[in-house]
Amino acid sequence: MTTRPRAPALVARSAALTVCLALGGASLAQSSTPAATPTATTTPLTLDAALALLSGAPSVTQAQLSVQVAQKNLDAARTALGLTVSVSGNAAYTGPGTTTASDGTTTSLASSLSGSAGVNVSLGLLPWSSNQSSLRAAQRSLDLAQANLLAAGASARLNVYQQYYAAVLANLDIDVAARTLALRQRQLTVAQTQQTAGNATSESVLSAQAALQAAQAAQLQAAASLEAAQRSLGAALGQTVGTSAFPSVPAETVTLPDVAALVARARTSRSEVVDARNTLAAAQDTLDTQKRTQALPDITASVRYGPSGSGGLSANLNLTQGTVGAGYAVPLGTSSSTTGTTTDRISASISGSYVVYSPAVAAQVSAAQANVTQAQLSLTVAQQTVELDVRTKYSTLQTSIIAVQAKVTAVQVAQAALDTANARLKAGTGTADDVMAAELDLAQAQRDLQAARVTAQLTLIQLQNAAGGPA
């Protein structure tokens, strides 16, 4: 039998592949040697320790300052409900002069000095007084500021959880990448040995080389992910995080909360709902004011007991403003023209007006009523939106819990495969490479299980935040 010579093109291609493999093997031998990297701090940072640093986060600090300002405004509004005390005084001077009667008689007039000094108190007694309205507005502002503080704290807390667990998973990725790299290096060595013995093709060696390069890239990517997670966690905490040890892990199991209770809490305590409720209350106050302006007469009444000229005890009521007041004044000064004794007596006065017809007032009432209707619709929409958000995240949590159960099964399967590989190695029917591959599969399955648990834990926190924060 005559053997045909190999085609020149095939010989050339085989020679080129041999050269590429030689060069590629040399480059991989050089690149597989890890470069010197700065030593990271190994002092562990637990999740609880990270959360303890959360109070210094910029968003939380800003929300806390808003609450403090709102509290001070409320305190000022409460103080304004008390009595307002003021003092008053006046003085008048008339110089001397003369008067001439019709008969030509001239009379001299002496100079006179008169005045009064007194004290006055006022109180916003009726519910529609400006002080009462200011108090209600200040209370609404405080409620909204507190809701925003809870939302900011919950958001910052979620951010810390996300970045911390990202660092945890990055460490697991680094471990998996190291195992993968060791296995790929072993597989490349075996492929090169088999090629030398004539039991492997050049394509097989190139495939092993490509797998090794992919493992090296995955290792670099895992290290970059860890560094990014460290920086993101430091930004969330407002300080540098230099450690690479993150020992805290997510909970193994997550319990589904009561969705009805979450929905009820979200419909009352979410910041969007509080804001919409405040808008409705402010619109209702405006409508009540416009209706009072239309229905109530503008009445001012006063009563005084004292000398006929000035001074004495007085009291007054302003129905429109909803305020009452009282005062006491003492007349001062003397006048040479004043003779006799003045007795104290009671004097009273009342004045008022009532709008019989005013299209402008009617239009203002209609506009205020429209604002109330719009605010009611906005509140309803806000409540429906937060309820939908809660129910959506609840469904996502259910899916995440099922995913965790599936990953637990995958870990059990990988563990069984590793046990089988070890048994075959002891029996002489398996290889060490089979054990390394099974160990890698188990490490990857365990990493995927932790990732599923992280997802479930973060979804639970997002669900709690959707309900207005942790109970």
Protein backbone atom coordinates (compact mmCIF):
# COMPACT_ATOMS: atom_id res chain seq x y z
CA MET A 1 0.00 0.00 0.00
CA THR A 2 1.43 3.36 -1.05
CA THR A 3 1.16 6.28 1.37
CA ARG A 4 0.42 9.61 -0.27
CA PRO A 5 2.60 12.55 0.80
CA ARG A 6 0.90 15.29 2.89
CA ALA A 7 -0.12 18.39 1.01
CA PRO A 8 2.28 21.33 1.33
CA ALA A 9 -0.50 23.60 2.68
CA LEU A 10 -1.37 21.11 5.44
CA VAL A 11 2.30 20.79 6.40
CA ALA A 12 2.63 24.57 6.55
CA ARG A 13 -0.47 24.93 8.72
CA SER A 14 0.76 22.25 11.13
CA ALA A 15 4.10 24.01 11.43
CA ALA A 16 2.38 27.34 12.09
CA LEU A 17 0.23 25.78 14.82
CA THR A 18 3.34 24.30 16.42
CA VAL A 19 5.02 27.72 16.49
CA CYS A 20 1.89 29.39 17.93
CA LEU A 21 1.61 26.78 20.65
CA ALA A 22 5.24 27.22 21.57
CA LEU A 23 4.86 30.98 21.77
CA GLY A 24 1.49 30.74 23.54
CA GLY A 25 2.83 28.31 26.11
CA ALA A 26 5.70 30.65 26.87
CA SER A 27 3.41 33.66 27.22
CA LEU A 28 1.01 31.76 29.48
CA ALA A 29 3.88 30.62 31.63
CA GLN A 30 4.83 34.23 32.08
CA SER A 31 1.29 35.61 32.52
CA SER A 32 0.22 32.87 34.93
CA THR A 33 2.75 34.14 37.43
CA PRO A 34 0.78 36.64 39.58
CA ALA A 35 2.11 40.17 39.71
CA ALA A 36 2.97 41.73 43.01
CA THR A 37 -0.07 43.51 44.42
CA PRO A 38 -0.45 45.72 47.49
CA THR A 39 -1.37 43.78 50.62
CA ALA A 40 -4.99 44.47 51.64
CA THR A 41 -6.01 44.93 55.23
CA THR A 42 -7.46 41.68 56.58
CA THR A 43 -9.22 43.14 59.61
CA PRO A 44 -12.77 41.80 59.16
CA LEU A 45 -15.70 44.15 58.80
CA THR A 46 -19.01 42.64 59.86
CA LEU A 47 -22.33 43.75 58.47
CA ASP A 48 -23.49 44.98 61.88
CA ALA A 49 -20.35 47.10 62.20
CA ALA A 50 -20.99 48.59 58.77
CA LEU A 51 -24.61 49.38 59.65
CA ALA A 52 -23.44 51.03 62.88
CA LEU A 53 -21.50 53.53 60.75
CA LEU A 54 -24.60 54.38 58.74
CA SER A 55 -25.62 57.38 60.87
CA GLY A 56 -22.88 59.41 59.20
CA ALA A 57 -24.22 58.86 55.69
CA PRO A 58 -24.89 62.20 53.92
CA SER A 59 -28.49 61.38 52.98
CA VAL A 60 -29.35 60.33 56.54
CA THR A 61 -27.68 63.42 58.02
CA GLN A 62 -29.60 65.70 55.68
CA ALA A 63 -32.91 64.04 56.57
CA GLN A 64 -32.10 64.30 60.29
CA LEU A 65 -31.48 68.04 59.93
CA SER A 66 -34.83 68.42 58.15
CA VAL A 67 -36.56 66.70 61.07
CA GLN A 68 -34.81 68.98 63.56
CA VAL A 69 -35.90 72.08 61.64
CA ALA A 70 -39.48 70.81 61.42
CA GLN A 71 -39.50 70.04 65.16
CA LYS A 72 -38.30 73.54 66.01
CA ASN A 73 -40.99 75.04 63.79
CA LEU A 74 -43.61 72.92 65.54
CA ASP A 75 -42.33 74.01 68.95
CA ALA A 76 -42.53 77.63 67.83
CA ALA A 77 -46.09 77.12 66.59
CA ARG A 78 -47.10 75.56 69.91
CA THR A 79 -45.56 78.44 71.80
CA ALA A 80 -47.50 80.89 69.65
CA LEU A 81 -50.76 79.32 70.85
CA GLY A 82 -50.27 80.86 74.29
CA LEU A 83 -51.03 84.37 75.37
CA THR A 84 -49.37 87.20 73.54
CA VAL A 85 -48.59 90.00 75.97
CA SER A 86 -47.69 93.50 74.84
CA VAL A 87 -47.40 96.92 76.43
CA SER A 88 -48.59 100.16 74.91
CA GLY A 89 -48.42 103.83 75.67
CA ASN A 90 -49.08 107.23 74.17
CA ALA A 91 -48.55 110.87 75.12
CA ALA A 92 -49.84 114.20 73.86
CA TYR A 93 -48.89 117.79 74.73
CA THR A 94 -50.82 120.98 73.98
CA GLY A 95 -49.14 124.31 74.55
CA PRO A 96 -50.73 127.41 76.20
CA GLY A 97 -52.86 129.81 74.19
CA THR A 98 -55.76 132.26 74.26
CA THR A 99 -59.29 132.36 72.92
CA THR A 100 -61.38 135.42 72.15
CA ALA A 101 -65.12 135.36 72.68
CA SER A 102 -67.63 137.14 70.48
CA ASP A 103 -67.88 139.95 72.98
CA GLY A 104 -64.15 140.52 72.80
CA THR A 105 -63.33 138.81 76.07
CA THR A 106 -59.96 137.07 76.00
CA THR A 107 -59.40 133.85 77.90
CA SER A 108 -56.01 132.30 78.54
CA LEU A 109 -55.61 128.55 78.01
CA ALA A 110 -53.05 126.65 80.04
CA SER A 111 -50.86 123.93 78.57
CA SER A 112 -51.91 120.31 78.97
CA LEU A 113 -50.13 116.97 79.00
CA SER A 114 -52.05 113.74 78.58
CA GLY A 115 -51.34 110.13 77.80
CA SER A 116 -51.88 106.55 78.87
CA ALA A 117 -49.91 103.39 79.57
CA GLY A 118 -51.32 99.89 79.44
CA VAL A 119 -50.83 96.19 78.93
CA ASN A 120 -52.64 94.02 76.36
CA VAL A 121 -53.05 90.27 75.92
CA SER A 122 -54.39 88.34 72.94
CA LEU A 123 -55.17 84.69 72.29
CA GLY A 124 -56.07 82.72 69.15
CA LEU A 125 -59.02 80.95 70.71
CA LEU A 126 -61.15 79.75 67.80
CA PRO A 127 -60.04 76.75 65.66
CA TRP A 128 -59.58 78.88 62.54
CA SER A 129 -57.22 81.41 64.09
CA SER A 130 -53.90 81.87 62.31
CA ASN A 131 -51.99 80.36 65.22
CA GLN A 132 -54.06 77.18 65.08
CA SER A 133 -53.57 76.92 61.31
CA SER A 134 -49.82 77.41 61.69
CA LEU A 135 -49.72 74.63 64.29
CA ARG A 136 -51.47 72.18 61.98
CA ALA A 137 -49.16 73.09 59.09
CA ALA A 138 -46.08 72.65 61.30
CA GLN A 139 -47.31 69.25 62.45
CA ARG A 140 -47.81 68.15 58.85
CA SER A 141 -44.30 69.32 57.96
CA LEU A 142 -42.86 67.32 60.85
CA ASP A 143 -44.78 64.20 59.82
CA LEU A 144 -43.42 64.47 56.28
CA ALA A 145 -39.87 65.11 57.51
CA GLN A 146 -40.03 62.03 59.73
CA ALA A 147 -41.35 59.92 56.86
CA ASN A 148 -38.55 61.20 54.63
CA LEU A 149 -36.03 60.36 57.36
CA LEU A 150 -37.34 56.80 57.54
CA ALA A 151 -37.17 56.51 53.75
CA ALA A 152 -33.63 57.92 53.63
CA GLY A 153 -32.49 55.61 56.41
CA ALA A 154 -34.08 52.60 54.74
CA SER A 155 -32.54 53.47 51.38
CA ALA A 156 -29.09 53.96 52.91
CA ARG A 157 -29.45 50.71 54.84
CA LEU A 158 -30.37 48.84 51.66
CA ASN A 159 -27.36 50.37 49.89
CA VAL A 160 -25.04 49.12 52.64
CA TYR A 161 -26.53 45.63 52.40
CA GLN A 162 -26.10 45.64 48.62
CA GLN A 163 -22.48 46.79 48.63
CA TYR A 164 -21.49 44.55 51.55
CA TYR A 165 -22.95 41.44 49.95
CA ALA A 166 -21.39 42.45 46.63
CA ALA A 167 -18.02 42.29 48.41
CA VAL A 168 -18.93 38.91 49.92
CA LEU A 169 -19.80 37.50 46.49
CA ALA A 170 -16.66 39.06 44.99
CA ASN A 171 -14.55 37.14 47.52
CA LEU A 172 -16.36 33.95 46.56
CA ASP A 173 -15.76 34.75 42.90
CA ILE A 174 -12.05 35.17 43.63
CA ASP A 175 -11.98 31.73 45.24
CA VAL A 176 -13.84 30.14 42.33
CA ALA A 177 -11.57 31.92 39.85
CA ALA A 178 -8.46 30.63 41.65
CA ARG A 179 -9.80 27.07 41.56
CA THR A 180 -10.72 27.47 37.90
CA LEU A 181 -7.29 28.83 37.05
CA ALA A 182 -5.55 25.93 38.79
CA LEU A 183 -7.72 23.42 36.93
CA ARG A 184 -7.19 25.12 33.57
CA GLN A 185 -3.43 25.21 34.12
CA ARG A 186 -3.51 21.49 34.92
CA GLN A 187 -5.62 20.78 31.82
CA LEU A 188 -3.25 22.76 29.60
CA THR A 189 -0.26 20.85 30.97
CA VAL A 190 -2.01 17.54 30.33
CA ALA A 191 -2.97 18.60 26.80
CA GLN A 192 0.60 19.64 26.02
CA THR A 193 1.93 16.34 27.40
CA GLN A 194 -0.59 14.39 25.35
CA GLN A 195 0.33 16.34 22.22
CA THR A 196 3.99 15.52 22.78
CA ALA A 197 3.04 11.86 23.03
CA GLY A 198 0.93 12.15 19.89
CA ASN A 199 -2.37 11.62 21.71
CA ALA A 200 -3.78 15.15 21.34
CA THR A 201 -4.21 17.55 18.47
CA SER A 202 -3.03 21.11 18.24
CA GLU A 203 -6.65 22.28 18.40
CA SER A 204 -7.08 20.59 21.80
CA VAL A 205 -4.06 22.41 23.16
CA LEU A 206 -5.33 25.72 21.77
CA SER A 207 -8.71 25.12 23.42
CA ALA A 208 -7.01 24.46 26.76
CA GLN A 209 -4.93 27.58 26.27
CA ALA A 210 -8.06 29.67 25.58
CA ALA A 211 -9.75 28.22 28.68
CA LEU A 212 -6.73 29.22 30.77
CA GLN A 213 -6.82 32.75 29.40
CA ALA A 214 -10.53 32.99 30.21
CA ALA A 215 -9.80 31.85 33.77
CA GLN A 216 -7.13 34.51 34.12
CA ALA A 217 -9.58 37.16 32.89
CA ALA A 218 -12.22 35.93 35.35
CA GLN A 219 -9.71 36.20 38.19
CA LEU A 220 -8.89 39.79 37.27
CA GLN A 221 -12.60 40.60 36.96
CA ALA A 222 -13.32 39.15 40.41
CA ALA A 223 -10.55 41.25 41.96
CA ALA A 224 -11.89 44.36 40.22
CA SER A 225 -15.40 43.58 41.49
CA LEU A 226 -14.10 43.33 45.05
CA GLU A 227 -12.35 46.68 44.76
CA ALA A 228 -15.48 48.28 43.29
CA ALA A 229 -17.59 46.86 46.13
CA GLN A 230 -15.13 48.23 48.70
CA ARG A 231 -15.28 51.69 47.15
CA SER A 232 -19.07 51.63 46.88
CA LEU A 233 -19.41 50.51 50.49
CA GLY A 234 -17.06 53.27 51.58
CA ALA A 235 -19.13 55.82 49.65
CA ALA A 236 -22.31 54.53 51.30
CA LEU A 237 -20.76 54.83 54.77
CA GLY A 238 -19.01 58.12 54.11
CA GLN A 239 -15.55 56.71 54.89
CA THR A 240 -12.86 54.54 53.35
CA VAL A 241 -13.19 50.76 53.65
CA GLY A 242 -9.74 49.19 53.35
CA THR A 243 -10.48 45.65 54.48
CA SER A 244 -10.98 42.72 52.14
CA ALA A 245 -12.50 40.43 54.78
CA PHE A 246 -16.30 40.43 54.97
CA PRO A 247 -17.34 37.53 57.23
CA SER A 248 -21.08 38.18 57.47
CA VAL A 249 -23.26 36.05 55.22
CA PRO A 250 -26.97 36.31 54.40
CA ALA A 251 -29.53 34.33 56.34
CA GLU A 252 -29.99 30.75 55.20
CA THR A 253 -33.76 31.05 55.25
CA VAL A 254 -36.14 33.95 54.68
CA THR A 255 -39.67 33.95 56.09
CA LEU A 256 -42.45 35.52 54.09
CA PRO A 257 -44.06 38.38 56.07
CA ASP A 258 -47.78 39.12 56.24
CA VAL A 259 -48.51 40.94 53.00
CA ALA A 260 -51.78 42.40 54.33
CA ALA A 261 -49.97 44.06 57.24
CA LEU A 262 -47.30 45.39 54.87
CA VAL A 263 -49.92 46.87 52.56
CA ALA A 264 -51.76 48.51 55.47
CA ARG A 265 -48.53 50.05 56.75
CA ALA A 266 -47.50 51.25 53.30
CA ARG A 267 -50.86 52.96 52.71
CA THR A 268 -50.36 55.05 55.84
CA SER A 269 -46.63 55.52 56.44
CA ARG A 270 -44.92 55.75 53.04
CA SER A 271 -43.51 59.22 52.44
CA GLU A 272 -45.46 59.56 49.19
CA VAL A 273 -48.70 58.87 51.05
CA VAL A 274 -47.80 61.25 53.88
CA ASP A 275 -47.03 63.98 51.34
CA ALA A 276 -50.32 63.42 49.52
CA ARG A 277 -52.21 63.38 52.83
CA ASN A 278 -50.58 66.67 53.85
CA THR A 279 -51.54 68.22 50.53
CA LEU A 280 -55.13 67.14 51.08
CA ALA A 281 -55.17 68.58 54.62
CA ALA A 282 -53.76 71.90 53.42
CA ALA A 283 -56.33 72.05 50.62
CA GLN A 284 -59.11 71.30 53.11
CA ASP A 285 -57.90 74.11 55.39
CA THR A 286 -57.97 76.51 52.46
CA LEU A 287 -61.50 75.40 51.54
CA ASP A 288 -62.70 75.85 55.12
CA THR A 289 -61.22 79.35 55.18
CA GLN A 290 -62.95 80.30 51.94
CA LYS A 291 -66.27 78.93 53.18
CA ARG A 292 -66.00 80.90 56.42
CA THR A 293 -65.22 84.03 54.45
CA GLN A 294 -68.37 83.42 52.44
CA ALA A 295 -70.67 82.40 55.30
CA LEU A 296 -69.55 84.32 58.39
CA PRO A 297 -69.90 88.06 58.83
CA ASP A 298 -66.80 90.09 59.59
CA ILE A 299 -67.62 91.09 63.17
CA THR A 300 -65.47 92.94 65.66
CA ALA A 301 -66.85 93.55 69.16
CA SER A 302 -65.30 95.40 72.09
CA VAL A 303 -66.26 96.43 75.62
CA ARG A 304 -64.52 98.83 77.98
CA TYR A 305 -64.93 99.76 81.62
CA GLY A 306 -63.24 102.90 82.87
CA PRO A 307 -63.22 106.67 82.64
CA SER A 308 -65.10 108.19 79.78
CA GLY A 309 -61.99 109.61 78.18
CA SER A 310 -59.47 106.82 78.11
CA GLY A 311 -57.96 104.07 80.20
CA GLY A 312 -59.63 101.30 82.12
CA LEU A 313 -60.22 97.65 81.34
CA SER A 314 -61.13 96.53 77.80
CA ALA A 315 -61.88 93.32 75.92
CA ASN A 316 -62.38 92.57 72.23
CA LEU A 317 -63.34 89.74 69.86
CA ASN A 318 -62.56 89.38 66.15
CA LEU A 319 -64.80 86.66 64.75
CA THR A 320 -63.12 86.43 61.36
CA GLN A 321 -59.61 86.08 62.74
CA GLY A 322 -60.78 83.89 65.64
CA THR A 323 -58.94 85.91 68.29
CA VAL A 324 -59.88 87.45 71.63
CA GLY A 325 -57.97 90.09 73.52
CA ALA A 326 -57.98 92.10 76.73
CA GLY A 327 -56.15 95.14 77.99
CA TYR A 328 -55.82 97.57 80.83
CA ALA A 329 -54.71 101.19 80.45
CA VAL A 330 -54.02 103.92 83.00
CA PRO A 331 -54.53 107.56 81.94
CA LEU A 332 -51.59 109.82 82.65
CA GLY A 333 -51.04 113.57 82.65
CA THR A 334 -53.02 116.61 83.81
CA SER A 335 -55.00 119.34 82.18
CA SER A 336 -55.87 122.68 83.81
CA SER A 337 -59.13 122.81 81.95
CA THR A 338 -60.33 119.59 83.46
CA THR A 339 -62.53 120.02 86.48
CA GLY A 340 -64.65 117.74 88.53
CA THR A 341 -64.51 114.00 88.99
CA THR A 342 -65.06 111.47 86.20
CA THR A 343 -66.81 108.24 87.15
CA ASP A 344 -66.07 104.85 85.62
CA ARG A 345 -68.64 103.42 83.28
CA ILE A 346 -69.13 100.65 80.73
CA SER A 347 -68.98 101.32 77.02
CA ALA A 348 -69.38 98.75 74.27
CA SER A 349 -69.18 98.75 70.50
CA ILE A 350 -69.71 96.27 67.70
CA SER A 351 -69.06 96.55 64.00
CA GLY A 352 -69.49 94.09 61.21
CA SER A 353 -70.04 93.50 57.54
CA TYR A 354 -71.46 90.65 55.50
CA VAL A 355 -70.90 89.91 51.84
CA VAL A 356 -74.31 89.48 50.25
CA TYR A 357 -73.13 88.88 46.70
CA SER A 358 -69.60 88.41 45.39
CA PRO A 359 -68.76 86.30 42.32
CA ALA A 360 -65.08 86.47 43.29
CA VAL A 361 -65.70 84.83 46.67
CA ALA A 362 -67.86 82.13 45.06
CA ALA A 363 -65.12 81.47 42.50
CA GLN A 364 -62.53 81.14 45.26
CA VAL A 365 -64.71 78.58 47.05
CA SER A 366 -65.16 76.60 43.82
CA ALA A 367 -61.41 76.65 43.15
CA ALA A 368 -60.67 75.50 46.69
CA GLN A 369 -63.20 72.67 46.34
CA ALA A 370 -61.55 71.58 43.08
CA ASN A 371 -58.16 71.53 44.81
CA VAL A 372 -59.59 69.31 47.55
CA THR A 373 -61.02 66.90 44.97
CA GLN A 374 -57.71 66.77 43.14
CA ALA A 375 -55.81 66.18 46.39
CA GLN A 376 -58.19 63.34 47.30
CA LEU A 377 -57.55 61.69 43.94
CA SER A 378 -53.79 62.13 44.37
CA LEU A 379 -53.95 60.47 47.78
CA THR A 380 -55.92 57.55 46.35
CA VAL A 381 -53.42 57.14 43.51
CA ALA A 382 -50.48 57.29 45.95
CA GLN A 383 -52.03 54.60 48.13
CA GLN A 384 -52.75 52.38 45.14
CA THR A 385 -49.20 52.86 43.84
CA VAL A 386 -47.52 51.89 47.10
CA GLU A 387 -49.82 48.89 47.47
CA LEU A 388 -48.88 47.69 43.98
CA ASP A 389 -45.22 48.20 44.84
CA VAL A 390 -45.56 46.07 47.98
CA ARG A 391 -47.41 43.26 46.23
CA THR A 392 -44.92 43.23 43.34
CA LYS A 393 -41.95 42.95 45.68
CA TYR A 394 -43.78 40.28 47.68
CA SER A 395 -44.13 38.18 44.52
CA THR A 396 -40.45 38.75 43.75
CA LEU A 397 -39.55 37.55 47.24
CA GLN A 398 -41.58 34.38 46.73
CA THR A 399 -39.64 33.69 43.53
CA SER A 400 -36.34 34.37 45.30
CA ILE A 401 -37.14 31.88 48.05
CA ILE A 402 -37.90 29.19 45.47
CA ALA A 403 -34.59 30.00 43.74
CA VAL A 404 -32.75 29.48 47.03
CA GLN A 405 -34.33 26.06 47.41
CA ALA A 406 -33.24 25.15 43.88
CA LYS A 407 -29.66 26.25 44.61
CA VAL A 408 -29.62 24.15 47.79
CA THR A 409 -30.49 21.13 45.67
CA ALA A 410 -27.74 22.06 43.20
CA VAL A 411 -25.19 22.13 46.04
CA GLN A 412 -26.35 18.68 47.15
CA VAL A 413 -25.93 17.39 43.60
CA ALA A 414 -22.43 18.91 43.35
CA GLN A 415 -21.47 17.40 46.71
CA ALA A 416 -22.66 13.98 45.57
CA ALA A 417 -20.64 14.34 42.36
CA LEU A 418 -17.53 15.20 44.39
CA ASP A 419 -18.05 12.18 46.63
CA THR A 420 -18.34 10.00 43.54
CA ALA A 421 -15.17 11.48 42.03
CA ASN A 422 -13.23 10.82 45.25
CA ALA A 423 -14.53 7.25 45.38
CA ARG A 424 -13.52 6.64 41.77
CA LEU A 425 -10.06 8.10 42.46
CA LYS A 426 -9.57 5.73 45.39
CA ALA A 427 -10.79 2.82 43.26
CA GLY A 428 -8.37 3.70 40.49
CA THR A 429 -11.10 4.40 37.94
CA GLY A 430 -10.87 8.18 38.18
CA THR A 431 -8.25 10.90 38.03
CA ALA A 432 -7.19 13.79 40.22
CA ASP A 433 -8.40 16.11 37.46
CA ASP A 434 -11.90 14.69 37.88
CA VAL A 435 -11.75 15.50 41.60
CA MET A 436 -10.51 19.04 40.90
CA ALA A 437 -13.34 19.57 38.43
CA ALA A 438 -15.90 18.28 40.94
CA GLU A 439 -14.47 20.54 43.65
CA LEU A 440 -14.75 23.49 41.28
CA ASP A 441 -18.37 22.59 40.49
CA LEU A 442 -19.13 22.42 44.22
CA ALA A 443 -17.47 25.78 44.88
CA GLN A 444 -19.44 27.33 42.02
CA ALA A 445 -22.69 25.81 43.32
CA GLN A 446 -21.99 27.13 46.82
CA ARG A 447 -21.26 30.56 45.38
CA ASP A 448 -24.53 30.47 43.42
CA LEU A 449 -26.37 29.46 46.59
CA GLN A 450 -24.93 32.44 48.46
CA ALA A 451 -25.90 34.70 45.56
CA ALA A 452 -29.47 33.37 45.70
CA ARG A 453 -29.59 33.97 49.46
CA VAL A 454 -28.25 37.49 48.95
CA THR A 455 -30.98 38.14 46.40
CA ALA A 456 -33.65 36.85 48.79
CA GLN A 457 -32.28 38.93 51.68
CA LEU A 458 -32.11 42.11 49.58
CA THR A 459 -35.60 41.48 48.20
CA LEU A 460 -36.93 41.15 51.76
CA ILE A 461 -35.33 44.49 52.69
CA GLN A 462 -36.77 46.10 49.57
CA LEU A 463 -40.19 44.73 50.53
CA GLN A 464 -39.86 46.19 54.02
CA ASN A 465 -38.81 49.53 52.54
CA ALA A 466 -41.81 49.45 50.22
CA ALA A 467 -44.00 49.14 53.31
CA GLY A 468 -42.45 52.24 54.87
CA GLY A 469 -39.40 50.71 56.53
CA PRO A 470 -38.82 47.92 59.06
CA ALA A 471 -41.66 47.45 61.53
